[in-house]
Amino acid sequence: MKTNFLIGLTGILFAGGLAVAQTPATAPAPSAPPAASPDNMLNLDLSTGGRVVIELRPDKAPNSVERIKVLTRRGFYDGLVFHRVIEGFMAQGGDPKGDGTGGSDLPDLKAEFNDLPHVRGTMAMARSQSPDSANSQFYIILSPSFTLDKKYTIIGRVVSGMGFVDLLEKGEPPANPSKIVKASIGDALPYVMPAPTPAPQPAPPPAAAKPAAPKPAPKAVKKR
């Protein structure tokens, strides 16, 4: 039975609401990432209009990053919604049920808490109250939330397209949730939304028949 990923994230996140507000604006110094590699770039083409690129950190969370790659290559994330988006906080997605209770058919992951901070653009694995319950769901941080550090497995950070994350429909759940149109790994070309099929146009009315030219009147025959 799948656990509710809303519980763990909500319980810790909102319990630390006051602490978040009092957190200093400066983040702890993050560890330097390894040299960028296409194999560690996650692309999310969103319904908000563009591509978000996340640099994954297998040096910090190898098993969690590998899970994201496996599911992405399966097409698992294509079409899934962001079911929980809180203004100024975070956006959560990756649930095939779309309500925060679902996951993949793969086993849950062991926690890989690390020294990366929850700065704007951080991507981490969502979980329930158990530290070892992450599966497929993830969240992206909208504003620094350092009270979450070392409580969730951070797997990467947005390096381009954060503006498209900001445009995600807000709500718990949103009335009209935004979605991942296509997820890919590496230097795949951005997904291009197909142009809408134009509505069929009614056939033009048949041209009116031209009236026949009048026949000339017969000439009168003179009687002799």
N, C-alpha and C. Protein backbone atom coordinates (compact mmCIF):
# COMPACT_ATOMS: atom_id res chain seq x y z
N MET A 1 0.85 -1.19 0.00
CA MET A 1 0.00 0.00 0.00
C MET A 1 0.88 1.24 0.00
N LYS A 2 0.58 2.18 -0.86
CA LYS A 2 1.36 3.42 -0.94
C LYS A 2 0.98 4.37 0.20
N THR A 3 1.99 5.00 0.77
CA THR A 3 1.74 5.95 1.84
C THR A 3 1.46 7.32 1.27
N ASN A 4 0.92 8.18 2.10
CA ASN A 4 0.58 9.51 1.66
C ASN A 4 1.79 10.43 1.77
N PHE A 5 2.30 10.87 0.64
CA PHE A 5 3.50 11.71 0.63
C PHE A 5 3.19 13.13 1.08
N LEU A 6 1.92 13.47 1.19
CA LEU A 6 1.56 14.78 1.71
C LEU A 6 1.85 14.88 3.20
N ILE A 7 1.69 13.77 3.92
CA ILE A 7 1.79 13.81 5.37
C ILE A 7 3.19 14.22 5.81
N GLY A 8 4.18 13.48 5.32
CA GLY A 8 5.54 13.77 5.75
C GLY A 8 5.98 15.16 5.35
N LEU A 9 5.72 15.53 4.12
CA LEU A 9 6.16 16.83 3.64
C LEU A 9 5.43 17.95 4.38
N THR A 10 4.12 17.77 4.59
CA THR A 10 3.36 18.81 5.27
C THR A 10 3.78 18.93 6.72
N GLY A 11 3.88 17.79 7.41
CA GLY A 11 4.17 17.81 8.83
C GLY A 11 5.45 18.54 9.15
N ILE A 12 6.51 18.24 8.43
CA ILE A 12 7.80 18.86 8.72
C ILE A 12 7.85 20.27 8.16
N LEU A 13 7.33 20.46 6.95
CA LEU A 13 7.43 21.77 6.32
C LEU A 13 6.66 22.83 7.10
N PHE A 14 5.44 22.54 7.50
CA PHE A 14 4.67 23.55 8.17
C PHE A 14 5.03 23.66 9.64
N ALA A 15 5.52 22.59 10.23
CA ALA A 15 5.98 22.69 11.60
C ALA A 15 7.14 23.67 11.71
N GLY A 16 7.91 23.79 10.64
CA GLY A 16 9.04 24.71 10.64
C GLY A 16 8.73 26.04 10.02
N GLY A 17 7.44 26.39 9.91
CA GLY A 17 7.08 27.63 9.23
C GLY A 17 7.71 28.86 9.85
N LEU A 18 7.67 28.96 11.21
CA LEU A 18 8.24 30.13 11.86
C LEU A 18 9.74 30.16 11.68
N ALA A 19 10.37 28.99 11.78
CA ALA A 19 11.82 28.92 11.63
C ALA A 19 12.23 29.34 10.23
N VAL A 20 11.43 28.96 9.22
CA VAL A 20 11.74 29.35 7.85
C VAL A 20 11.74 30.86 7.73
N ALA A 21 10.75 31.50 8.34
CA ALA A 21 10.66 32.95 8.24
C ALA A 21 11.84 33.65 8.91
N GLN A 22 12.44 32.98 9.91
CA GLN A 22 13.53 33.59 10.63
C GLN A 22 14.90 33.14 10.13
N THR A 23 14.92 32.30 9.09
CA THR A 23 16.19 31.80 8.57
C THR A 23 16.97 32.91 7.91
N PRO A 24 18.28 33.01 8.14
CA PRO A 24 19.08 34.03 7.46
C PRO A 24 19.00 33.86 5.95
N ALA A 25 19.16 34.96 5.23
CA ALA A 25 19.04 34.93 3.78
C ALA A 25 20.20 34.22 3.12
N THR A 26 21.33 34.11 3.82
CA THR A 26 22.50 33.46 3.21
C THR A 26 22.43 31.97 3.43
N ALA A 27 22.67 31.21 2.36
CA ALA A 27 22.61 29.76 2.44
C ALA A 27 23.98 29.21 2.81
N PRO A 28 24.02 28.01 3.41
CA PRO A 28 25.31 27.37 3.64
C PRO A 28 26.02 27.15 2.30
N ALA A 29 27.34 27.18 2.32
CA ALA A 29 28.09 27.00 1.08
C ALA A 29 27.88 25.58 0.56
N PRO A 30 27.34 25.42 -0.66
CA PRO A 30 27.11 24.08 -1.20
C PRO A 30 28.41 23.45 -1.70
N SER A 31 28.41 22.15 -1.74
CA SER A 31 29.56 21.45 -2.29
C SER A 31 29.64 21.70 -3.79
N ALA A 32 30.83 21.79 -4.31
CA ALA A 32 31.00 22.03 -5.75
C ALA A 32 30.53 20.82 -6.53
N PRO A 33 29.70 21.03 -7.56
CA PRO A 33 29.24 19.89 -8.37
C PRO A 33 30.36 19.36 -9.24
N PRO A 34 30.26 18.10 -9.65
CA PRO A 34 31.24 17.56 -10.60
C PRO A 34 31.07 18.23 -11.96
N ALA A 35 31.99 17.96 -12.87
CA ALA A 35 31.89 18.52 -14.22
C ALA A 35 30.55 18.15 -14.84
N ALA A 36 29.92 19.14 -15.48
CA ALA A 36 28.60 18.90 -16.08
C ALA A 36 28.68 17.82 -17.14
N SER A 37 27.67 16.96 -17.16
CA SER A 37 27.60 15.87 -18.13
C SER A 37 26.17 15.77 -18.63
N PRO A 38 25.97 15.59 -19.95
CA PRO A 38 24.59 15.47 -20.46
C PRO A 38 23.81 14.36 -19.77
N ASP A 39 24.49 13.31 -19.33
CA ASP A 39 23.81 12.19 -18.69
C ASP A 39 23.23 12.56 -17.33
N ASN A 40 23.67 13.69 -16.79
CA ASN A 40 23.16 14.14 -15.50
C ASN A 40 22.28 15.38 -15.62
N MET A 41 21.74 15.61 -16.81
CA MET A 41 20.83 16.72 -17.02
C MET A 41 19.41 16.18 -17.23
N LEU A 42 18.51 16.57 -16.35
CA LEU A 42 17.11 16.18 -16.45
C LEU A 42 16.34 17.34 -17.07
N ASN A 43 15.62 17.06 -18.14
CA ASN A 43 14.82 18.07 -18.83
C ASN A 43 13.34 17.83 -18.54
N LEU A 44 12.66 18.86 -18.09
CA LEU A 44 11.21 18.79 -17.89
C LEU A 44 10.56 19.83 -18.79
N ASP A 45 9.89 19.37 -19.84
CA ASP A 45 9.14 20.28 -20.71
C ASP A 45 7.75 20.44 -20.10
N LEU A 46 7.45 21.64 -19.63
CA LEU A 46 6.24 21.88 -18.85
C LEU A 46 5.13 22.51 -19.68
N SER A 47 3.90 22.31 -19.21
CA SER A 47 2.74 22.91 -19.88
C SER A 47 2.70 24.41 -19.67
N THR A 48 3.57 24.95 -18.81
CA THR A 48 3.62 26.40 -18.60
C THR A 48 4.37 27.11 -19.72
N GLY A 49 4.93 26.35 -20.67
CA GLY A 49 5.47 26.99 -21.87
C GLY A 49 6.93 26.78 -22.19
N GLY A 50 7.66 26.00 -21.43
CA GLY A 50 9.07 25.84 -21.77
C GLY A 50 9.75 24.73 -21.00
N ARG A 51 11.05 24.66 -21.19
CA ARG A 51 11.86 23.59 -20.61
C ARG A 51 12.58 24.03 -19.35
N VAL A 52 12.54 23.16 -18.35
CA VAL A 52 13.30 23.33 -17.12
C VAL A 52 14.42 22.28 -17.14
N VAL A 53 15.65 22.71 -16.92
CA VAL A 53 16.79 21.80 -16.90
C VAL A 53 17.33 21.72 -15.48
N ILE A 54 17.43 20.50 -14.96
CA ILE A 54 17.94 20.26 -13.61
C ILE A 54 19.26 19.50 -13.72
N GLU A 55 20.29 20.02 -13.09
CA GLU A 55 21.56 19.30 -13.02
C GLU A 55 21.49 18.33 -11.84
N LEU A 56 21.51 17.05 -12.14
CA LEU A 56 21.41 16.01 -11.12
C LEU A 56 22.76 15.82 -10.43
N ARG A 57 22.71 15.32 -9.18
CA ARG A 57 23.92 15.16 -8.39
C ARG A 57 24.09 13.71 -7.93
N PRO A 58 24.53 12.84 -8.83
CA PRO A 58 24.75 11.45 -8.43
C PRO A 58 25.88 11.31 -7.41
N ASP A 59 26.74 12.32 -7.30
CA ASP A 59 27.81 12.26 -6.29
C ASP A 59 27.24 12.41 -4.88
N LYS A 60 26.03 12.97 -4.75
CA LYS A 60 25.42 13.17 -3.44
C LYS A 60 24.31 12.16 -3.15
N ALA A 61 23.59 11.73 -4.16
CA ALA A 61 22.45 10.82 -3.97
C ALA A 61 22.39 9.85 -5.15
N PRO A 62 23.34 8.93 -5.26
CA PRO A 62 23.42 8.07 -6.46
C PRO A 62 22.19 7.22 -6.71
N ASN A 63 21.60 6.65 -5.67
CA ASN A 63 20.45 5.76 -5.88
C ASN A 63 19.20 6.55 -6.26
N SER A 64 19.01 7.69 -5.64
CA SER A 64 17.84 8.51 -5.95
C SER A 64 17.94 9.10 -7.35
N VAL A 65 19.14 9.54 -7.73
CA VAL A 65 19.32 10.06 -9.09
C VAL A 65 19.10 8.97 -10.11
N GLU A 66 19.59 7.78 -9.84
CA GLU A 66 19.38 6.68 -10.77
C GLU A 66 17.91 6.35 -10.91
N ARG A 67 17.14 6.45 -9.81
CA ARG A 67 15.70 6.20 -9.87
C ARG A 67 15.03 7.21 -10.80
N ILE A 68 15.39 8.48 -10.68
CA ILE A 68 14.81 9.51 -11.55
C ILE A 68 15.14 9.21 -13.01
N LYS A 69 16.37 8.80 -13.28
CA LYS A 69 16.78 8.50 -14.66
C LYS A 69 16.00 7.30 -15.22
N VAL A 70 15.88 6.25 -14.42
CA VAL A 70 15.17 5.05 -14.86
C VAL A 70 13.71 5.38 -15.19
N LEU A 71 13.04 6.09 -14.30
CA LEU A 71 11.64 6.42 -14.53
C LEU A 71 11.47 7.37 -15.70
N THR A 72 12.40 8.31 -15.84
CA THR A 72 12.32 9.25 -16.97
C THR A 72 12.45 8.50 -18.29
N ARG A 73 13.39 7.58 -18.38
CA ARG A 73 13.60 6.83 -19.62
C ARG A 73 12.44 5.89 -19.91
N ARG A 74 11.69 5.53 -18.90
CA ARG A 74 10.48 4.73 -19.11
C ARG A 74 9.33 5.59 -19.66
N GLY A 75 9.43 6.90 -19.52
CA GLY A 75 8.30 7.77 -19.86
C GLY A 75 7.33 7.92 -18.71
N PHE A 76 7.75 7.52 -17.51
CA PHE A 76 6.87 7.52 -16.34
C PHE A 76 6.31 8.91 -16.03
N TYR A 77 7.15 9.93 -16.15
CA TYR A 77 6.75 11.28 -15.74
C TYR A 77 5.95 12.04 -16.80
N ASP A 78 5.93 11.53 -18.01
CA ASP A 78 5.24 12.24 -19.10
C ASP A 78 3.74 12.34 -18.80
N GLY A 79 3.23 13.55 -18.76
CA GLY A 79 1.80 13.76 -18.53
C GLY A 79 1.40 13.89 -17.07
N LEU A 80 2.34 13.69 -16.12
CA LEU A 80 1.98 13.80 -14.70
C LEU A 80 1.87 15.27 -14.29
N VAL A 81 1.00 15.53 -13.33
CA VAL A 81 0.73 16.91 -12.90
C VAL A 81 1.56 17.27 -11.67
N PHE A 82 1.64 18.57 -11.42
CA PHE A 82 2.15 19.08 -10.15
C PHE A 82 0.92 19.24 -9.25
N HIS A 83 0.76 18.29 -8.33
CA HIS A 83 -0.49 18.22 -7.56
C HIS A 83 -0.48 19.11 -6.32
N ARG A 84 0.67 19.68 -5.99
CA ARG A 84 0.77 20.51 -4.78
C ARG A 84 1.79 21.61 -5.03
N VAL A 85 1.32 22.84 -5.16
CA VAL A 85 2.21 23.98 -5.45
C VAL A 85 1.85 25.10 -4.49
N ILE A 86 2.79 25.44 -3.61
CA ILE A 86 2.56 26.46 -2.59
C ILE A 86 3.39 27.69 -2.94
N GLU A 87 2.72 28.81 -3.11
CA GLU A 87 3.37 30.08 -3.46
C GLU A 87 4.51 30.39 -2.50
N GLY A 88 5.69 30.70 -3.04
CA GLY A 88 6.82 31.07 -2.21
C GLY A 88 7.44 29.94 -1.43
N PHE A 89 7.06 28.70 -1.73
CA PHE A 89 7.59 27.57 -0.97
C PHE A 89 8.13 26.48 -1.89
N MET A 90 7.23 25.66 -2.47
CA MET A 90 7.71 24.56 -3.31
C MET A 90 6.61 24.05 -4.22
N ALA A 91 7.02 23.27 -5.23
CA ALA A 91 6.11 22.62 -6.18
C ALA A 91 6.40 21.12 -6.18
N GLN A 92 5.36 20.32 -5.94
CA GLN A 92 5.52 18.87 -5.81
C GLN A 92 4.83 18.14 -6.95
N GLY A 93 5.51 17.14 -7.51
CA GLY A 93 4.94 16.34 -8.60
C GLY A 93 5.52 14.94 -8.59
N GLY A 94 5.28 14.22 -9.70
CA GLY A 94 5.83 12.88 -9.83
C GLY A 94 4.94 11.77 -9.32
N ASP A 95 3.67 12.06 -9.06
CA ASP A 95 2.73 11.06 -8.55
C ASP A 95 1.78 10.62 -9.65
N PRO A 96 1.79 9.34 -10.05
CA PRO A 96 0.87 8.90 -11.11
C PRO A 96 -0.60 8.99 -10.71
N LYS A 97 -0.90 9.03 -9.42
CA LYS A 97 -2.28 9.18 -8.98
C LYS A 97 -2.71 10.65 -8.97
N GLY A 98 -1.74 11.54 -8.86
CA GLY A 98 -2.07 12.96 -8.88
C GLY A 98 -2.65 13.49 -7.59
N ASP A 99 -2.53 12.73 -6.48
CA ASP A 99 -3.09 13.21 -5.21
C ASP A 99 -2.10 13.13 -4.05
N GLY A 100 -0.85 12.77 -4.35
CA GLY A 100 0.16 12.70 -3.30
C GLY A 100 0.31 11.35 -2.64
N THR A 101 -0.45 10.35 -3.07
CA THR A 101 -0.39 9.03 -2.44
C THR A 101 0.25 7.96 -3.31
N GLY A 102 0.63 8.30 -4.53
CA GLY A 102 1.10 7.28 -5.46
C GLY A 102 2.61 7.23 -5.61
N GLY A 103 3.05 6.24 -6.37
CA GLY A 103 4.46 6.06 -6.66
C GLY A 103 4.61 5.08 -7.81
N SER A 104 5.84 4.69 -8.09
CA SER A 104 6.11 3.73 -9.16
C SER A 104 5.98 2.30 -8.64
N ASP A 105 6.22 1.32 -9.53
CA ASP A 105 6.20 -0.08 -9.12
C ASP A 105 7.54 -0.53 -8.55
N LEU A 106 8.50 0.39 -8.46
CA LEU A 106 9.81 0.07 -7.91
C LEU A 106 9.79 0.22 -6.39
N PRO A 107 10.70 -0.44 -5.67
CA PRO A 107 10.70 -0.33 -4.20
C PRO A 107 11.09 1.06 -3.74
N ASP A 108 10.66 1.40 -2.53
CA ASP A 108 11.04 2.68 -1.95
C ASP A 108 12.55 2.74 -1.74
N LEU A 109 13.05 3.96 -1.66
CA LEU A 109 14.49 4.19 -1.58
C LEU A 109 14.95 4.47 -0.16
N LYS A 110 16.17 4.07 0.14
CA LYS A 110 16.80 4.46 1.39
C LYS A 110 17.15 5.94 1.33
N ALA A 111 17.05 6.62 2.44
CA ALA A 111 17.37 8.04 2.49
C ALA A 111 18.84 8.26 2.13
N GLU A 112 19.09 9.35 1.40
CA GLU A 112 20.45 9.76 1.05
C GLU A 112 20.62 11.25 1.40
N PHE A 113 20.33 11.59 2.65
CA PHE A 113 20.45 12.97 3.10
C PHE A 113 21.90 13.42 2.92
N ASN A 114 22.08 14.66 2.49
CA ASN A 114 23.42 15.15 2.17
C ASN A 114 23.57 16.61 2.57
N ASP A 115 24.71 17.21 2.23
CA ASP A 115 25.01 18.57 2.69
C ASP A 115 24.53 19.66 1.73
N LEU A 116 23.80 19.31 0.68
CA LEU A 116 23.28 20.34 -0.22
C LEU A 116 22.14 21.09 0.46
N PRO A 117 22.05 22.41 0.27
CA PRO A 117 21.01 23.20 0.94
C PRO A 117 19.75 23.35 0.10
N HIS A 118 18.66 23.65 0.76
CA HIS A 118 17.38 23.90 0.10
C HIS A 118 17.31 25.37 -0.34
N VAL A 119 18.02 25.69 -1.41
CA VAL A 119 17.97 27.03 -1.99
C VAL A 119 16.94 27.02 -3.12
N ARG A 120 16.66 28.20 -3.67
CA ARG A 120 15.73 28.30 -4.79
C ARG A 120 16.22 27.42 -5.94
N GLY A 121 15.31 26.59 -6.47
CA GLY A 121 15.65 25.70 -7.58
C GLY A 121 16.10 24.32 -7.16
N THR A 122 16.28 24.08 -5.87
CA THR A 122 16.67 22.75 -5.41
C THR A 122 15.59 21.73 -5.74
N MET A 123 16.01 20.56 -6.20
CA MET A 123 15.09 19.44 -6.44
C MET A 123 15.41 18.33 -5.46
N ALA A 124 14.39 17.82 -4.79
CA ALA A 124 14.59 16.77 -3.78
C ALA A 124 13.46 15.76 -3.87
N MET A 125 13.69 14.61 -3.25
CA MET A 125 12.72 13.53 -3.25
C MET A 125 11.70 13.76 -2.13
N ALA A 126 10.42 13.71 -2.48
CA ALA A 126 9.36 13.77 -1.48
C ALA A 126 9.23 12.41 -0.81
N ARG A 127 8.75 12.42 0.41
CA ARG A 127 8.59 11.17 1.17
C ARG A 127 7.46 11.32 2.17
N SER A 128 7.10 10.21 2.82
CA SER A 128 6.14 10.27 3.93
C SER A 128 6.94 10.43 5.22
N GLN A 129 6.37 10.08 6.36
CA GLN A 129 7.06 10.28 7.63
C GLN A 129 8.31 9.41 7.77
N SER A 130 8.33 8.28 7.09
CA SER A 130 9.51 7.42 7.14
C SER A 130 10.61 8.00 6.27
N PRO A 131 11.84 8.12 6.78
CA PRO A 131 12.94 8.64 5.96
C PRO A 131 13.21 7.79 4.71
N ASP A 132 12.86 6.50 4.78
CA ASP A 132 13.16 5.59 3.68
C ASP A 132 11.93 5.27 2.84
N SER A 133 11.12 6.29 2.54
CA SER A 133 9.87 6.07 1.80
C SER A 133 9.81 6.81 0.48
N ALA A 134 10.90 7.48 0.06
CA ALA A 134 10.88 8.16 -1.25
C ALA A 134 10.76 7.13 -2.35
N ASN A 135 10.06 7.50 -3.42
CA ASN A 135 9.85 6.54 -4.51
C ASN A 135 9.97 7.23 -5.87
N SER A 136 8.96 7.99 -6.24
CA SER A 136 8.97 8.68 -7.54
C SER A 136 8.70 10.17 -7.41
N GLN A 137 8.07 10.57 -6.32
CA GLN A 137 7.67 11.97 -6.17
C GLN A 137 8.87 12.85 -5.82
N PHE A 138 8.79 14.09 -6.26
CA PHE A 138 9.86 15.05 -6.01
C PHE A 138 9.25 16.42 -5.79
N TYR A 139 10.08 17.35 -5.35
CA TYR A 139 9.62 18.73 -5.25
C TYR A 139 10.76 19.66 -5.66
N ILE A 140 10.37 20.86 -6.10
CA ILE A 140 11.32 21.91 -6.48
C ILE A 140 11.05 23.11 -5.59
N ILE A 141 12.11 23.62 -4.95
CA ILE A 141 11.99 24.73 -4.01
C ILE A 141 11.85 26.06 -4.75
N LEU A 142 10.86 26.86 -4.34
CA LEU A 142 10.63 28.17 -4.94
C LEU A 142 11.37 29.28 -4.19
N SER A 143 11.51 29.13 -2.88
CA SER A 143 12.24 30.09 -2.05
C SER A 143 13.06 29.31 -1.03
N PRO A 144 14.20 29.85 -0.60
CA PRO A 144 15.06 29.11 0.34
C PRO A 144 14.30 28.60 1.56
N SER A 145 14.53 27.35 1.92
CA SER A 145 13.87 26.70 3.06
C SER A 145 14.90 25.82 3.76
N PHE A 146 15.82 26.45 4.49
CA PHE A 146 16.96 25.72 5.04
C PHE A 146 16.59 24.79 6.20
N THR A 147 15.40 24.95 6.78
CA THR A 147 14.98 24.04 7.85
C THR A 147 14.74 22.63 7.33
N LEU A 148 14.66 22.46 6.02
CA LEU A 148 14.47 21.13 5.43
C LEU A 148 15.79 20.41 5.20
N ASP A 149 16.90 21.11 5.34
CA ASP A 149 18.20 20.52 5.05
C ASP A 149 18.44 19.27 5.89
N LYS A 150 18.97 18.23 5.22
CA LYS A 150 19.33 16.96 5.84
C LYS A 150 18.12 16.21 6.39
N LYS A 151 16.93 16.58 5.91
CA LYS A 151 15.71 15.85 6.26
C LYS A 151 15.08 15.21 5.02
N TYR A 152 15.51 15.65 3.86
CA TYR A 152 15.04 15.12 2.58
C TYR A 152 16.24 14.93 1.67
N THR A 153 16.14 14.00 0.73
CA THR A 153 17.24 13.70 -0.18
C THR A 153 17.25 14.68 -1.34
N ILE A 154 18.22 15.57 -1.36
CA ILE A 154 18.37 16.52 -2.47
C ILE A 154 19.10 15.81 -3.60
N ILE A 155 18.56 15.96 -4.82
CA ILE A 155 19.13 15.24 -5.97
C ILE A 155 19.65 16.18 -7.05
N GLY A 156 19.44 17.49 -6.93
CA GLY A 156 19.93 18.38 -7.98
C GLY A 156 19.39 19.78 -7.82
N ARG A 157 19.61 20.58 -8.84
CA ARG A 157 19.15 21.97 -8.80
C ARG A 157 18.88 22.46 -10.22
N VAL A 158 17.86 23.29 -10.36
CA VAL A 158 17.51 23.88 -11.64
C VAL A 158 18.64 24.80 -12.10
N VAL A 159 19.08 24.62 -13.35
CA VAL A 159 20.13 25.48 -13.91
C VAL A 159 19.58 26.37 -15.02
N SER A 160 18.40 26.08 -15.53
CA SER A 160 17.75 26.98 -16.49
C SER A 160 16.25 26.70 -16.52
N GLY A 161 15.47 27.75 -16.83
CA GLY A 161 14.03 27.59 -16.96
C GLY A 161 13.24 27.71 -15.67
N MET A 162 13.86 28.28 -14.61
CA MET A 162 13.14 28.38 -13.33
C MET A 162 11.87 29.22 -13.47
N GLY A 163 11.86 30.14 -14.40
CA GLY A 163 10.67 30.95 -14.62
C GLY A 163 9.45 30.12 -14.97
N PHE A 164 9.65 28.98 -15.65
CA PHE A 164 8.53 28.12 -16.01
C PHE A 164 8.01 27.36 -14.78
N VAL A 165 8.88 27.14 -13.78
CA VAL A 165 8.43 26.56 -12.51
C VAL A 165 7.58 27.58 -11.76
N ASP A 166 8.01 28.84 -11.77
CA ASP A 166 7.24 29.88 -11.09
C ASP A 166 5.82 30.02 -11.64
N LEU A 167 5.64 29.64 -12.90
CA LEU A 167 4.33 29.79 -13.54
C LEU A 167 3.38 28.62 -13.27
N LEU A 168 3.84 27.60 -12.53
CA LEU A 168 2.97 26.47 -12.24
C LEU A 168 1.72 26.93 -11.50
N GLU A 169 0.59 26.33 -11.86
CA GLU A 169 -0.68 26.65 -11.21
C GLU A 169 -0.59 26.32 -9.72
N LYS A 170 -0.97 27.27 -8.87
CA LYS A 170 -0.86 27.11 -7.42
C LYS A 170 -2.10 26.44 -6.84
N GLY A 171 -1.88 25.72 -5.73
CA GLY A 171 -3.00 25.10 -5.03
C GLY A 171 -2.62 23.77 -4.42
N GLU A 172 -3.50 23.26 -3.53
CA GLU A 172 -3.30 21.97 -2.86
C GLU A 172 -4.58 21.14 -2.87
N PRO A 173 -5.03 20.64 -3.99
CA PRO A 173 -4.39 20.69 -5.32
C PRO A 173 -4.83 21.92 -6.10
N PRO A 174 -4.12 22.23 -7.17
CA PRO A 174 -4.55 23.33 -8.04
C PRO A 174 -5.85 22.97 -8.74
N ALA A 175 -6.63 24.00 -9.04
CA ALA A 175 -7.90 23.76 -9.75
C ALA A 175 -7.64 23.23 -11.15
N ASN A 176 -6.60 23.73 -11.78
CA ASN A 176 -6.25 23.30 -13.14
C ASN A 176 -4.74 23.04 -13.16
N PRO A 177 -4.30 21.88 -12.64
CA PRO A 177 -2.87 21.67 -12.42
C PRO A 177 -2.03 21.69 -13.69
N SER A 178 -0.85 22.27 -13.57
CA SER A 178 0.13 22.23 -14.66
C SER A 178 0.75 20.84 -14.70
N LYS A 179 1.33 20.49 -15.84
CA LYS A 179 1.87 19.13 -15.95
C LYS A 179 3.22 19.10 -16.66
N ILE A 180 3.86 17.94 -16.51
CA ILE A 180 5.08 17.64 -17.25
C ILE A 180 4.63 17.06 -18.59
N VAL A 181 4.86 17.78 -19.65
CA VAL A 181 4.48 17.28 -20.96
C VAL A 181 5.42 16.16 -21.39
N LYS A 182 6.72 16.38 -21.17
CA LYS A 182 7.73 15.40 -21.55
C LYS A 182 8.94 15.55 -20.65
N ALA A 183 9.46 14.42 -20.13
CA ALA A 183 10.70 14.41 -19.35
C ALA A 183 11.74 13.63 -20.14
N SER A 184 12.98 14.09 -20.09
CA SER A 184 14.06 13.42 -20.83
C SER A 184 15.38 13.65 -20.12
N ILE A 185 16.35 12.81 -20.47
CA ILE A 185 17.69 12.92 -19.92
C ILE A 185 18.65 13.28 -21.05
N GLY A 186 19.59 14.21 -20.76
CA GLY A 186 20.61 14.53 -21.75
C GLY A 186 20.25 15.72 -22.60
N ASP A 187 20.75 15.70 -23.84
CA ASP A 187 20.58 16.87 -24.71
C ASP A 187 19.47 16.67 -25.72
N ALA A 188 18.38 16.04 -25.28
CA ALA A 188 17.23 15.83 -26.16
C ALA A 188 16.64 17.18 -26.57
N LEU A 189 16.14 17.24 -27.78
CA LEU A 189 15.51 18.47 -28.25
C LEU A 189 14.24 18.74 -27.45
N PRO A 190 13.93 20.01 -27.19
CA PRO A 190 12.70 20.32 -26.46
C PRO A 190 11.47 19.79 -27.18
N TYR A 191 10.51 19.35 -26.39
CA TYR A 191 9.25 18.88 -26.95
C TYR A 191 8.50 20.06 -27.54
N VAL A 192 7.99 19.87 -28.72
CA VAL A 192 7.23 20.92 -29.40
C VAL A 192 5.75 20.54 -29.35
N MET A 193 4.98 21.41 -28.73
CA MET A 193 3.54 21.16 -28.65
C MET A 193 2.94 21.16 -30.05
N PRO A 194 2.17 20.14 -30.40
CA PRO A 194 1.57 20.13 -31.73
C PRO A 194 0.60 21.29 -31.90
N ALA A 195 0.59 21.83 -33.09
CA ALA A 195 -0.34 22.93 -33.38
C ALA A 195 -1.77 22.41 -33.31
N PRO A 196 -2.67 23.20 -32.76
CA PRO A 196 -4.07 22.74 -32.68
C PRO A 196 -4.65 22.52 -34.06
N THR A 197 -5.44 21.46 -34.17
CA THR A 197 -6.08 21.17 -35.45
C THR A 197 -7.16 22.20 -35.73
N PRO A 198 -7.08 22.88 -36.85
CA PRO A 198 -8.10 23.90 -37.13
C PRO A 198 -9.48 23.27 -37.30
N ALA A 199 -10.47 23.99 -36.84
CA ALA A 199 -11.84 23.49 -36.98
C ALA A 199 -12.21 23.43 -38.45
N PRO A 200 -12.93 22.39 -38.84
CA PRO A 200 -13.32 22.30 -40.26
C PRO A 200 -14.19 23.49 -40.67
N GLN A 201 -13.89 24.02 -41.80
CA GLN A 201 -14.64 25.16 -42.30
C GLN A 201 -15.84 24.68 -43.13
N PRO A 202 -16.98 25.33 -42.97
CA PRO A 202 -18.15 24.91 -43.77
C PRO A 202 -17.88 25.12 -45.25
N ALA A 203 -18.41 24.22 -46.03
CA ALA A 203 -18.23 24.33 -47.49
C ALA A 203 -18.92 25.59 -47.99
N PRO A 204 -18.31 26.27 -48.93
CA PRO A 204 -18.95 27.48 -49.46
C PRO A 204 -20.24 27.12 -50.18
N PRO A 205 -21.23 28.00 -50.14
CA PRO A 205 -22.49 27.70 -50.83
C PRO A 205 -22.24 27.60 -52.34
N PRO A 206 -23.00 26.76 -52.99
CA PRO A 206 -22.80 26.63 -54.44
C PRO A 206 -23.07 27.96 -55.14
N ALA A 207 -22.30 28.20 -56.15
CA ALA A 207 -22.46 29.45 -56.89
C ALA A 207 -23.84 29.48 -57.55
N ALA A 208 -24.47 30.63 -57.48
CA ALA A 208 -25.79 30.76 -58.10
C ALA A 208 -25.65 30.62 -59.62
N ALA A 209 -26.59 29.87 -60.18
CA ALA A 209 -26.56 29.67 -61.63
C ALA A 209 -26.83 30.99 -62.35
N LYS A 210 -26.04 31.22 -63.34
CA LYS A 210 -26.24 32.44 -64.12
C LYS A 210 -27.54 32.33 -64.94
N PRO A 211 -28.35 33.38 -64.94
CA PRO A 211 -29.59 33.30 -65.74
C PRO A 211 -29.26 33.19 -67.22
N ALA A 212 -30.07 32.40 -67.87
CA ALA A 212 -29.83 32.22 -69.32
C ALA A 212 -30.06 33.54 -70.05
N ALA A 213 -29.24 33.74 -71.04
CA ALA A 213 -29.39 34.97 -71.82
C ALA A 213 -30.76 34.95 -72.53
N PRO A 214 -31.45 36.07 -72.53
CA PRO A 214 -32.78 36.08 -73.18
C PRO A 214 -32.65 35.84 -74.68
N LYS A 215 -33.59 35.06 -75.16
CA LYS A 215 -33.58 34.81 -76.61
C LYS A 215 -34.11 36.02 -77.36
N PRO A 216 -33.53 36.31 -78.47
CA PRO A 216 -34.05 37.47 -79.24
C PRO A 216 -35.47 37.22 -79.71
N ALA A 217 -36.26 38.26 -79.70
CA ALA A 217 -37.66 38.11 -80.14
C ALA A 217 -37.68 37.77 -81.62
N PRO A 218 -38.58 36.87 -82.02
CA PRO A 218 -38.63 36.53 -83.45
C PRO A 218 -39.05 37.73 -84.29
N LYS A 219 -38.45 37.82 -85.42
CA LYS A 219 -38.78 38.96 -86.32
C LYS A 219 -40.20 38.76 -86.89
N ALA A 220 -40.89 39.85 -86.95
CA ALA A 220 -42.25 39.78 -87.51
C ALA A 220 -42.15 39.51 -89.03
N VAL A 221 -43.02 38.59 -89.48
CA VAL A 221 -43.04 38.26 -90.92
C VAL A 221 -44.07 39.14 -91.60
N LYS A 222 -43.61 39.89 -92.57
CA LYS A 222 -44.53 40.76 -93.29
C LYS A 222 -45.39 39.93 -94.26
N LYS A 223 -46.68 40.23 -94.24
CA LYS A 223 -47.59 39.55 -95.16
C LYS A 223 -47.57 40.32 -96.48
N ARG A 224 -47.59 39.55 -97.50
CA ARG A 224 -47.64 40.17 -98.84
C ARG A 224 -49.06 40.14 -99.35
